[in-house]
Protein backbone atom coordinates (compact mmCIF):
# COMPACT_ATOMS: atom_id res chain seq x y z
CA UNK A 1 0.00 0.00 0.00
CA UNK A 2 1.23 3.50 -0.82
CA UNK A 3 0.72 6.56 1.42
CA UNK A 4 1.94 10.15 1.25
CA UNK A 5 2.83 12.12 4.36
CA UNK A 6 3.51 15.86 4.21
CA UNK A 7 6.69 17.35 5.64
CA UNK A 8 9.19 20.05 4.74
CA UNK A 9 12.84 20.73 4.02
CA UNK A 10 14.53 23.86 5.34
CA UNK A 11 17.21 25.25 3.05
CA UNK A 12 18.58 28.27 4.88
CA UNK A 13 15.48 30.35 5.57
CA UNK A 14 13.57 28.89 2.64
CA UNK A 15 11.04 26.15 3.36
CA UNK A 16 10.13 23.66 0.65
CA UNK A 17 7.36 21.03 0.82
CA UNK A 18 8.48 17.40 0.91
CA UNK A 19 6.20 14.44 0.27
CA UNK A 20 7.31 11.40 2.23
CA UNK A 21 5.96 8.60 0.04
CA UNK A 22 5.92 5.23 1.76
CA UNK A 23 5.22 1.95 0.00
CA UNK A 24 4.95 -1.35 1.83
CA UNK A 25 4.93 -3.91 -0.98
CA UNK A 26 2.94 -7.12 -0.80
CA UNK A 27 5.67 -9.01 -2.66
CA UNK A 28 9.44 -8.86 -2.99
CA UNK A 29 12.35 -9.45 -0.66
CA UNK A 30 12.18 -7.72 2.73
CA UNK A 31 14.16 -4.51 2.83
CA UNK A 32 14.02 -0.86 3.77
CA UNK A 33 15.22 1.69 1.21
CA UNK A 34 15.17 5.49 1.35
CA UNK A 35 15.57 7.42 -1.91
CA UNK A 36 15.30 11.10 -2.85
CA UNK A 37 18.80 12.48 -2.06
CA UNK A 38 18.86 11.62 1.65
CA UNK A 39 21.83 12.71 3.76
CA UNK A 40 23.63 10.26 6.05
CA UNK A 41 21.35 11.34 8.95
CA UNK A 42 18.25 10.60 6.84
CA UNK A 43 19.63 7.23 5.72
CA UNK A 44 20.16 6.33 9.38
CA UNK A 45 16.42 6.87 9.89
CA UNK A 46 15.99 3.23 8.83
CA UNK A 47 17.38 2.00 12.14
CA UNK A 48 15.80 4.73 14.30
CA UNK A 49 12.35 4.25 12.77
CA UNK A 50 12.45 0.45 12.84
CA UNK A 51 13.56 0.35 16.48
CA UNK A 52 11.16 3.12 17.57
CA UNK A 53 8.20 1.30 15.98
CA UNK A 54 9.11 -1.97 17.70
CA UNK A 55 9.77 -0.30 21.07
CA UNK A 56 6.41 1.49 20.78
CA UNK A 57 4.72 -1.93 20.72
CA UNK A 58 3.92 -1.99 17.00
CA UNK A 59 5.13 -4.40 14.37
CA UNK A 60 7.79 -3.44 11.88
CA UNK A 61 6.55 -5.14 8.69
CA UNK A 62 8.93 -7.80 7.34
CA UNK A 63 8.26 -6.62 3.76
CA UNK A 64 9.85 -4.55 1.04
CA UNK A 65 9.54 -0.93 2.21
CA UNK A 66 10.47 1.93 -0.08
CA UNK A 67 10.55 5.55 1.09
CA UNK A 68 10.74 8.33 -1.49
CA UNK A 69 11.44 11.87 -0.30
CA UNK A 70 10.04 14.01 -3.10
CA UNK A 71 11.11 16.12 -4.88
CA UNK A 72 13.96 13.75 -5.61
CA UNK A 73 16.39 16.43 -6.82
CA UNK A 74 16.36 18.38 -3.54
CA UNK A 75 18.92 17.25 -0.90
CA UNK A 76 17.27 16.18 2.39
CA UNK A 77 19.20 16.63 5.62
CA UNK A 78 18.63 15.92 9.29
CA UNK A 79 16.61 13.50 11.37
CA UNK A 80 13.28 15.38 11.16
CA UNK A 81 11.96 12.84 8.62
CA UNK A 82 11.86 10.08 11.27
CA UNK A 83 8.30 10.90 12.37
CA UNK A 84 6.73 11.13 8.89
CA UNK A 85 8.53 7.93 7.83
CA UNK A 86 7.29 6.07 10.92
CA UNK A 87 3.68 7.25 10.45
CA UNK A 88 3.91 6.34 6.77
CA UNK A 89 5.11 2.81 7.57
CA UNK A 90 2.33 2.32 10.13
CA UNK A 91 -0.32 3.61 7.70
CA UNK A 92 1.00 1.68 4.69
CA UNK A 93 1.16 -1.54 6.72
CA UNK A 94 -2.42 -0.88 7.88
CA UNK A 95 -1.53 -0.88 11.58
CA UNK A 96 -3.00 2.62 11.67
CA UNK A 97 -6.38 3.39 10.14
CA UNK A 98 -7.21 7.09 10.24
CA UNK A 99 -10.69 8.28 11.21
CA UNK A 100 -12.85 9.26 8.23
CA UNK A 101 -12.80 12.94 9.20
CA UNK A 102 -8.99 13.15 9.46
CA UNK A 103 -7.57 15.09 6.49
CA UNK A 104 -4.01 13.88 5.93
CA UNK A 105 -3.49 16.58 3.26
CA UNK A 106 -3.86 19.29 5.94
CA UNK A 107 -1.30 17.73 8.28
CA UNK A 108 2.47 17.99 8.51
CA UNK A 109 4.69 15.60 10.49
CA UNK A 110 8.20 16.60 11.55
CA UNK A 111 10.53 15.29 14.24
CA UNK A 112 13.39 13.05 15.29
CA UNK A 113 12.63 9.76 17.03
CA UNK A 114 14.75 8.20 19.73
CA UNK A 115 15.09 4.42 19.80
CA UNK A 116 12.42 4.11 22.51
CA UNK A 117 9.90 6.02 20.39
CA UNK A 118 10.20 9.34 22.26
CA UNK A 119 10.45 12.50 20.20
CA UNK A 120 13.61 14.58 20.50
CA UNK A 121 13.91 18.36 20.16
CA UNK A 122 14.12 19.20 16.45
CA UNK A 123 15.32 22.34 14.67
CA UNK A 124 13.14 24.16 12.16
CA UNK A 125 9.75 23.97 13.89
CA UNK A 126 9.07 27.71 13.53
CA UNK A 127 9.73 27.51 9.78
CA UNK A 128 7.36 24.54 9.57
CA UNK A 129 4.68 26.57 11.37
CA UNK A 130 5.08 29.51 9.00
CA UNK A 131 4.95 27.20 5.97
CA UNK A 132 1.85 25.40 7.26
CA UNK A 133 0.15 28.75 7.91
CA UNK A 134 0.68 29.79 4.28
CA UNK A 135 -0.19 26.48 2.67
CA UNK A 136 -3.16 25.14 4.69
CA UNK A 137 -6.01 26.92 6.39
CA UNK A 138 -6.29 25.66 9.99
CA UNK A 139 -3.89 22.81 9.23
CA UNK A 140 -2.18 20.63 11.80
CA UNK A 141 1.49 20.17 12.54
CA UNK A 142 2.63 17.22 14.64
CA UNK A 143 5.96 18.03 16.28
CA UNK A 144 8.13 17.13 19.31
CA UNK A 145 6.87 18.71 22.54
CA UNK A 146 10.28 20.21 23.48
CA UNK A 147 10.26 22.25 20.24
CA UNK A 148 6.53 22.93 19.86
CA UNK A 149 6.44 26.32 21.59
CA UNK A 150 8.26 27.83 18.59
CA UNK A 151 5.35 27.02 16.30
CA UNK A 152 2.69 28.15 18.78
CA UNK A 153 3.70 31.72 17.97
CA UNK A 154 2.24 31.25 14.49
CA UNK A 155 -1.49 31.82 14.20
CA UNK A 156 -3.90 29.95 11.95
CA UNK A 157 -2.44 26.49 12.57
CA UNK A 158 -3.00 23.74 15.12
CA UNK A 159 0.21 22.67 16.84
CA UNK A 160 0.07 19.17 18.31
CA UNK A 161 2.95 18.71 20.77
CA UNK A 162 4.06 15.08 21.02
CA UNK A 163 6.09 13.21 23.59
CA UNK A 164 6.26 9.91 21.70
CA UNK A 165 5.26 7.90 18.66
CA UNK A 166 2.88 5.78 20.76
CA UNK A 167 1.14 8.95 22.04
CA UNK A 168 0.64 10.11 18.45
CA UNK A 169 -0.77 6.70 17.51
CA UNK A 170 -3.24 6.80 20.42
CA UNK A 171 -4.30 10.30 19.31
CA UNK A 172 -4.77 9.29 15.67
CA UNK A 173 -6.70 6.14 16.70
CA UNK A 174 -8.92 8.38 18.87
CA UNK A 175 -7.88 6.68 22.12
CA UNK A 176 -6.27 9.81 23.62
CA UNK A 177 -7.06 13.36 22.55
CA UNK A 178 -4.19 15.82 22.39
CA UNK A 179 -5.41 19.40 22.34
CA UNK A 180 -3.54 21.86 20.13
CA UNK A 181 -1.26 24.31 21.93
CA UNK A 182 -2.70 27.74 22.56
CA UNK A 183 -1.48 30.45 20.20
CA UNK A 184 1.11 32.67 21.90
CA UNK A 185 0.77 36.34 21.03
CA UNK A 186 3.96 38.33 21.48
């Protein structure tokens, strides 16, 4: 199954949309490949994501998994793609079924995962908030809690501050509601 998760790339002060396309094939040799000009940190996401999924009490599918970070000609750097890759794998392997009213096209996922599934502070959250404000009306951004306050200064978006991958899964499966952060006016 193929799914697309929205994220971004920060190049200096310019923010560019990135589609994290995840395919979990029904046939082929098991493997985990990331394409789309990933840096060494992005390539290492394979191990972080696999271990975080397992340590969050989900199954890492023993199938052929291909991740494409599009556009392919734009270099991708950093560990912020861990969260969108993990959510993509869980959706594509059908371990996560989104509620009918959840609009994936209005949501951005961004953050580094630790091996236990916790989310680490991640750079570039303010730029993500500004980009989401321009590109989606009342969209959602799902980001690590330690970095979420940056984005709460941006109006017109819903900032969901996350402690872990398992907390995000409970939220998306409607088992635990996470309220968006309140907008901070300076």
